Amino acid sequence: MYCSVIHTYTTTAQDTLYKITCKFYWHWWLWKIIYDYNREALGADYQNVIPLVPAGVTIRILDLNTEPISHTIVSGDTWQSLSKYYWGTESHWINIAIENDWKHLVEGETCVIPALVTKKDLKQAEELRRRVGA
């Protein structure tokens, strides 16, 4: 995997996946990155933790790229495998496909892995954590 763990976070009684995602990435719609990377800790059924995450669970938050990345395509690459490699989840494969105009993945050619967050997003999320004491 391309990403590394940048934070650990212990959940509270009021946490939802959406709230946690906003605290670290600013965008609630990136919740699947946190869930998929922490599936063992959070449980196999995400529908149980979207409304409320169990308190006291320590999860890992990945450091997402804030700039586009050039990727040289290798045999077996798919939009889904690229999403899994760069973001820890297959869920955002469509972002890569759209960024590359849905072109056919050809070994040896390059494609662009877009940034899902900006530096500004991460600063806003950091400010949110500071305000709410997370």
Protein backbone atom coordinates (compact mmCIF):
# COMPACT_ATOMS: atom_id res chain seq x y z
CA MET A 1 0.00 0.00 0.00
CA TYR A 2 1.14 3.51 -0.82
CA CYS A 3 -0.36 5.27 2.22
CA SER A 4 1.04 5.19 5.69
CA VAL A 5 -0.72 5.60 9.02
CA ILE A 6 -0.49 9.21 10.16
CA HIS A 7 -2.82 9.17 13.19
CA THR A 8 -4.41 6.79 15.59
CA TYR A 9 -7.74 7.75 17.09
CA THR A 10 -9.74 6.26 19.91
CA THR A 11 -13.45 6.54 19.27
CA THR A 12 -15.91 8.21 21.63
CA ALA A 13 -19.57 7.47 22.36
CA GLN A 14 -20.75 10.24 20.00
CA ASP A 15 -18.62 9.21 17.00
CA THR A 16 -19.95 8.17 13.62
CA LEU A 17 -17.84 7.26 10.62
CA TYR A 18 -18.89 10.51 8.97
CA LYS A 19 -17.83 12.61 11.96
CA ILE A 20 -14.48 10.85 12.27
CA THR A 21 -13.85 11.25 8.56
CA CYS A 22 -14.57 14.98 8.75
CA LYS A 23 -12.17 15.27 11.70
CA PHE A 24 -9.30 13.90 9.63
CA TYR A 25 -10.09 14.47 5.93
CA TRP A 26 -12.75 17.22 6.07
CA HIS A 27 -14.96 15.33 3.59
CA TRP A 28 -17.50 12.90 5.06
CA TRP A 29 -17.76 11.00 1.76
CA LEU A 30 -14.26 9.54 2.30
CA TRP A 31 -15.57 7.43 5.21
CA LYS A 32 -14.99 4.17 3.34
CA ILE A 33 -11.20 4.77 3.49
CA ILE A 34 -11.31 4.75 7.28
CA TYR A 35 -13.79 1.89 7.47
CA ASP A 36 -12.04 -0.45 5.03
CA TYR A 37 -8.63 0.09 6.62
CA ASN A 38 -10.06 -0.54 10.09
CA ARG A 39 -12.59 -3.25 9.25
CA GLU A 40 -11.19 -5.72 11.81
CA ALA A 41 -11.56 -3.19 14.63
CA LEU A 42 -14.92 -1.80 13.48
CA GLY A 43 -16.67 -5.00 12.40
CA ALA A 44 -17.60 -6.64 9.13
CA ASP A 45 -20.87 -4.77 8.56
CA TYR A 46 -20.37 -1.06 7.93
CA GLN A 47 -24.10 -0.42 8.27
CA ASN A 48 -23.71 -1.08 11.99
CA VAL A 49 -21.04 1.63 12.45
CA ILE A 50 -22.19 4.40 10.13
CA PRO A 51 -24.84 5.56 12.62
CA LEU A 52 -22.63 5.09 15.67
CA VAL A 53 -19.11 3.73 16.13
CA PRO A 54 -18.50 1.78 19.35
CA ALA A 55 -16.64 3.86 21.94
CA GLY A 56 -13.09 2.93 22.90
CA VAL A 57 -12.01 1.45 19.57
CA THR A 58 -8.57 2.55 18.40
CA ILE A 59 -8.46 3.06 14.64
CA ARG A 60 -5.73 4.07 12.21
CA ILE A 61 -6.04 7.05 9.90
CA LEU A 62 -4.14 6.98 6.60
CA ASP A 63 -2.11 9.87 5.24
CA LEU A 64 -3.75 10.68 1.89
CA ASN A 65 -1.95 12.35 -1.00
CA THR A 66 -2.72 16.05 -1.44
CA GLU A 67 -1.21 16.25 -4.93
CA PRO A 68 -1.81 14.07 -8.00
CA ILE A 69 0.52 11.08 -8.40
CA SER A 70 1.80 9.68 -11.68
CA HIS A 71 1.50 5.88 -11.73
CA THR A 72 3.15 3.59 -14.27
CA ILE A 73 0.69 0.85 -15.10
CA VAL A 74 1.82 -2.73 -14.51
CA SER A 75 0.24 -6.00 -15.57
CA GLY A 76 -2.90 -6.69 -13.56
CA ASP A 77 -3.62 -3.07 -12.61
CA THR A 78 -7.32 -2.19 -12.52
CA TRP A 79 -9.08 0.97 -11.40
CA GLN A 80 -10.06 -0.90 -8.25
CA SER A 81 -6.59 -2.23 -7.49
CA LEU A 82 -5.12 1.25 -7.90
CA SER A 83 -7.71 2.66 -5.49
CA LYS A 84 -6.88 -0.09 -2.99
CA TYR A 85 -3.13 0.52 -3.33
CA TYR A 86 -3.21 4.31 -2.98
CA TRP A 87 -6.13 4.75 -0.56
CA GLY A 88 -6.63 1.42 1.19
CA THR A 89 -10.07 0.86 -0.33
CA GLU A 90 -11.48 -0.06 -3.73
CA SER A 91 -14.37 2.34 -3.15
CA HIS A 92 -12.88 5.41 -4.84
CA TRP A 93 -11.80 3.74 -8.10
CA ILE A 94 -14.17 5.93 -10.06
CA ASN A 95 -12.16 9.02 -9.08
CA ILE A 96 -9.12 7.50 -10.81
CA ALA A 97 -11.11 6.39 -13.86
CA ILE A 98 -12.67 9.83 -14.33
CA GLU A 99 -9.33 11.60 -13.84
CA ASN A 100 -7.93 9.47 -16.66
CA ASP A 101 -10.94 9.83 -18.99
CA TRP A 102 -11.77 6.14 -18.55
CA LYS A 103 -8.83 5.20 -20.79
CA HIS A 104 -7.84 1.57 -21.08
CA LEU A 105 -5.04 0.69 -18.66
CA VAL A 106 -2.05 -0.30 -20.78
CA GLU A 107 1.06 -1.77 -19.17
CA GLY A 108 3.98 0.69 -19.30
CA GLU A 109 1.79 3.77 -19.81
CA THR A 110 1.07 6.18 -17.01
CA CYS A 111 -2.13 7.29 -15.35
CA VAL A 112 -2.87 9.96 -12.79
CA ILE A 113 -3.94 9.18 -9.24
CA PRO A 114 -5.88 12.29 -8.19
CA ALA A 115 -5.72 13.80 -4.74
CA LEU A 116 -8.90 13.18 -2.76
CA VAL A 117 -7.99 15.91 -0.28
CA THR A 118 -6.08 19.17 -0.45
CA LYS A 119 -3.69 20.67 2.07
CA LYS A 120 -6.45 23.17 2.87
CA ASP A 121 -8.88 20.31 3.59
CA LEU A 122 -6.40 18.75 6.02
CA LYS A 123 -5.83 22.08 7.76
CA GLN A 124 -9.58 22.57 8.15
CA ALA A 125 -9.89 19.06 9.57
CA GLU A 126 -7.04 19.75 11.99
CA GLU A 127 -8.78 22.95 13.12
CA LEU A 128 -12.01 20.97 13.60
CA ARG A 129 -10.16 18.43 15.79
CA ARG A 130 -8.67 21.26 17.82
CA ARG A 131 -12.11 22.85 18.36
CA VAL A 132 -13.85 19.64 19.38
CA GLY A 133 -10.92 18.33 21.40
CA ALA A 134 -10.26 15.21 19.34
